[in-house]
Each structure stands twice: as structure tokens, then as C-alpha cells.
C-alpha atoms as a PDB file:
ATOM      1  CA  MET A   1     100.673  75.561  82.234  1.00  0.00           C
ATOM      2  CA  LYS A   2     100.205  78.276  84.814  1.00  0.00           C
ATOM      3  CA  ASN A   3     102.430  78.480  87.853  1.00  0.00           C
ATOM      4  CA  GLY A   4     103.142  80.717  90.800  1.00  0.00           C
ATOM      5  CA  ALA A   5     100.985  83.768  91.404  1.00  0.00           C
ATOM      6  CA  ASN A   6      99.094  83.285  88.135  1.00  0.00           C
ATOM      7  CA  ASN A   7      97.147  80.391  89.703  1.00  0.00           C
ATOM      8  CA  PHE A   8      95.571  82.562  92.413  1.00  0.00           C
ATOM      9  CA  THR A   9      92.142  84.068  91.928  1.00  0.00           C
ATOM     10  CA  ALA A  10      91.000  87.204  93.735  1.00  0.00           C
ATOM     11  CA  GLU A  11      88.891  85.019  96.024  1.00  0.00           C
ATOM     12  CA  ARG A  12      91.846  82.755  96.853  1.00  0.00           C
ATOM     13  CA  ILE A  13      94.066  85.753  97.614  1.00  0.00           C
ATOM     14  CA  ALA A  14      91.388  87.229  99.918  1.00  0.00           C
ATOM     15  CA  GLU A  15      91.083  83.861 101.691  1.00  0.00           C
ATOM     16  CA  LEU A  16      94.850  83.599 102.193  1.00  0.00           C
ATOM     17  CA  ARG A  17      95.130  87.165 103.509  1.00  0.00           C
ATOM     18  CA  LYS A  18      92.320  86.517 105.983  1.00  0.00           C
ATOM     19  CA  ASN A  19      94.356  83.691 107.539  1.00  0.00           C
ATOM     20  CA  ILE A  20      97.625  85.604 107.986  1.00  0.00           C
ATOM     21  CA  ASP A  21      98.550  86.312 111.609  1.00  0.00           C
ATOM     22  CA  PHE A  22     100.269  89.704 111.927  1.00  0.00           C
ATOM     23  CA  SER A  23     100.232  89.745 115.747  1.00  0.00           C
ATOM     24  CA  ASP A  24     103.977  89.042 116.045  1.00  0.00           C
ATOM     25  CA  ILE A  25     105.014  91.712 113.510  1.00  0.00           C
ATOM     26  CA  PRO A  26     105.300  95.263 114.894  1.00  0.00           C
ATOM     27  CA  GLU A  27     103.693  97.988 112.820  1.00  0.00           C
ATOM     28  CA  ILE A  28     106.173 100.507 111.430  1.00  0.00           C
ATOM     29  CA  LYS A  29     104.961 103.959 112.428  1.00  0.00           C
ATOM     30  CA  ASN A  30     108.182 105.952 112.154  1.00  0.00           C
ATOM     31  CA  PHE A  31     109.753 105.900 108.698  1.00  0.00           C
ATOM     32  CA  SER A  32     112.420 108.507 109.515  1.00  0.00           C
ATOM     33  CA  GLY A  33     115.102 105.853 110.001  1.00  0.00           C
ATOM     34  CA  GLY A  34     115.072 105.084 106.301  1.00  0.00           C
ATOM     35  CA  HIS A  35     115.359 101.368 106.742  1.00  0.00           C
ATOM     36  CA  LEU A  36     112.913 100.471 103.996  1.00  0.00           C
ATOM     37  CA  ARG A  37     114.504  99.243 100.805  1.00  0.00           C
ATOM     38  CA  ASN A  38     114.887 101.931  98.121  1.00  0.00           C
ATOM     39  CA  TRP A  39     113.350 104.578 100.372  1.00  0.00           C
ATOM     40  CA  LYS A  40     115.242 107.703 101.279  1.00  0.00           C
ATOM     41  CA  PRO A  41     114.089 110.477 103.591  1.00  0.00           C
ATOM     42  CA  ALA A  42     113.489 113.883 102.035  1.00  0.00           C
ATOM     43  CA  LYS A  43     116.472 116.202 102.212  1.00  0.00           C
ATOM     44  CA  LYS A  44     116.823 119.959 102.207  1.00  0.00           C
ATOM     45  CA  ALA A  45     119.953 121.991 101.559  1.00  0.00           C
ATOM     46  CA  VAL A  46     120.820 124.241 104.501  1.00  0.00           C
ATOM     47  CA  SER A  47     123.707 126.490 105.355  1.00  0.00           C
ATOM     48  CA  PHE A  48     125.124 126.914 108.858  1.00  0.00           C
ATOM     49  CA  ARG A  49     128.361 127.678 110.638  1.00  0.00           C
ATOM     50  CA  ILE A  50     130.382 124.914 112.277  1.00  0.00           C
ATOM     51  CA  ASP A  51     133.461 125.116 114.477  1.00  0.00           C
ATOM     52  CA  LEU A  52     136.633 124.240 112.590  1.00  0.00           C
ATOM     53  CA  ASP A  53     137.623 121.464 114.990  1.00  0.00           C
ATOM     54  CA  ASN A  54     134.256 119.750 114.444  1.00  0.00           C
ATOM     55  CA  LEU A  55     134.562 120.102 110.678  1.00  0.00           C
ATOM     56  CA  GLU A  56     138.088 118.676 110.744  1.00  0.00           C
ATOM     57  CA  TRP A  57     136.828 115.717 112.801  1.00  0.00           C
ATOM     58  CA  LEU A  58     134.029 115.028 110.287  1.00  0.00           C
ATOM     59  CA  GLN A  59     136.508 115.295 107.415  1.00  0.00           C
ATOM     60  CA  SER A  60     139.239 113.256 109.161  1.00  0.00           C
ATOM     61  CA  GLU A  61     138.736 110.252 106.872  1.00  0.00           C
ATOM     62  CA  GLY A  62     138.392 112.384 103.747  1.00  0.00           C
ATOM     63  CA  VAL A  63     136.623 115.559 102.752  1.00  0.00           C
ATOM     64  CA  LYS A  64     134.081 113.704 100.633  1.00  0.00           C
ATOM     65  CA  GLY A  65     131.076 112.444 102.600  1.00  0.00           C
ATOM     66  CA  TYR A  66     131.388 114.645 105.689  1.00  0.00           C
ATOM     67  CA  GLN A  67     127.816 115.881 105.292  1.00  0.00           C
ATOM     68  CA  LYS A  68     126.510 112.296 105.417  1.00  0.00           C
ATOM     69  CA  LYS A  69     128.539 111.762 108.582  1.00  0.00           C
ATOM     70  CA  MET A  70     127.083 114.910 110.118  1.00  0.00           C
ATOM     71  CA  ASN A  71     123.579 113.724 109.240  1.00  0.00           C
ATOM     72  CA  ALA A  72     124.341 110.334 110.834  1.00  0.00           C
ATOM     73  CA  VAL A  73     125.536 112.022 114.043  1.00  0.00           C
ATOM     74  CA  ILE A  74     122.349 114.101 114.236  1.00  0.00           C
ATOM     75  CA  ARG A  75     120.188 111.037 113.522  1.00  0.00           C
ATOM     76  CA  TRP A  76     122.003 109.062 116.258  1.00  0.00           C
ATOM     77  CA  ALA A  77     121.421 111.888 118.745  1.00  0.00           C
ATOM     78  CA  LYS A  78     117.729 112.032 117.822  1.00  0.00           C
ATOM     79  CA  GLN A  79     117.239 108.256 118.087  1.00  0.00           C
ATOM     80  CA  ASN A  80     119.010 108.161 121.459  1.00  0.00           C
ATOM     81  CA  ASN A  81     116.866 110.973 122.885  1.00  0.00           C
ATOM     82  CA  CYS A  82     119.730 113.375 123.435  1.00  0.00           C
ATOM     83  CA  PRO A  83     118.260 116.394 125.244  1.00  0.00           C
ATOM     84  CA  ILE A  84     118.543 119.277 122.806  1.00  0.00           C
ATOM     85  CA  GLU A  85     117.085 121.826 125.244  1.00  0.00           C
ATOM     86  CA  THR A  86     120.176 121.521 127.509  1.00  0.00           C
ATOM     87  CA  LEU A  87     122.637 122.468 124.751  1.00  0.00           C
END
């Protein structure tokens, strides 16, 4: 006995898809937030200088993971439209 998705023919699937209303679902155009399951944005190793007080603040809860925190701070600033040209 077949059950589940095995019962659907290509014609039945096309018919079902034709009747789906996507009008209340916003289209995802910006994937930089990384909120899709198992998807991670591309990363690149960079080297730069940082003031010691800022580094100590990032490492205040432990040295491990401070780079992720720094990335989160930059992402927050980008998502909240912080004006970079005034820095």
C-alpha cells in the first residue's frame, strides 16, 4: 500500500501547486541574515587592528568566540542602518 508523497502523480502535484496562494508570504530577497536552516554566509579571513579596550570588551565573557561577537556587532549595525560615512 502506498502512502504519503508516493501517491501523488506529476499532474496532481502541478494541480496542487497551481492552487497555492503565496500572496501572504513575503519573498526573501536578502539572504545575508543567515536565517535559513543549515545555510551559512560565506566568510573570509581578514586581519585588522583593534583598540585594546574594544578587544577586552569583546573578550569579557571569554577569549573564545570574540570574533563571532564582533561579526554580530557589525551585522547589527548594518541591519540597523548605522551611518558608516559619519565614522
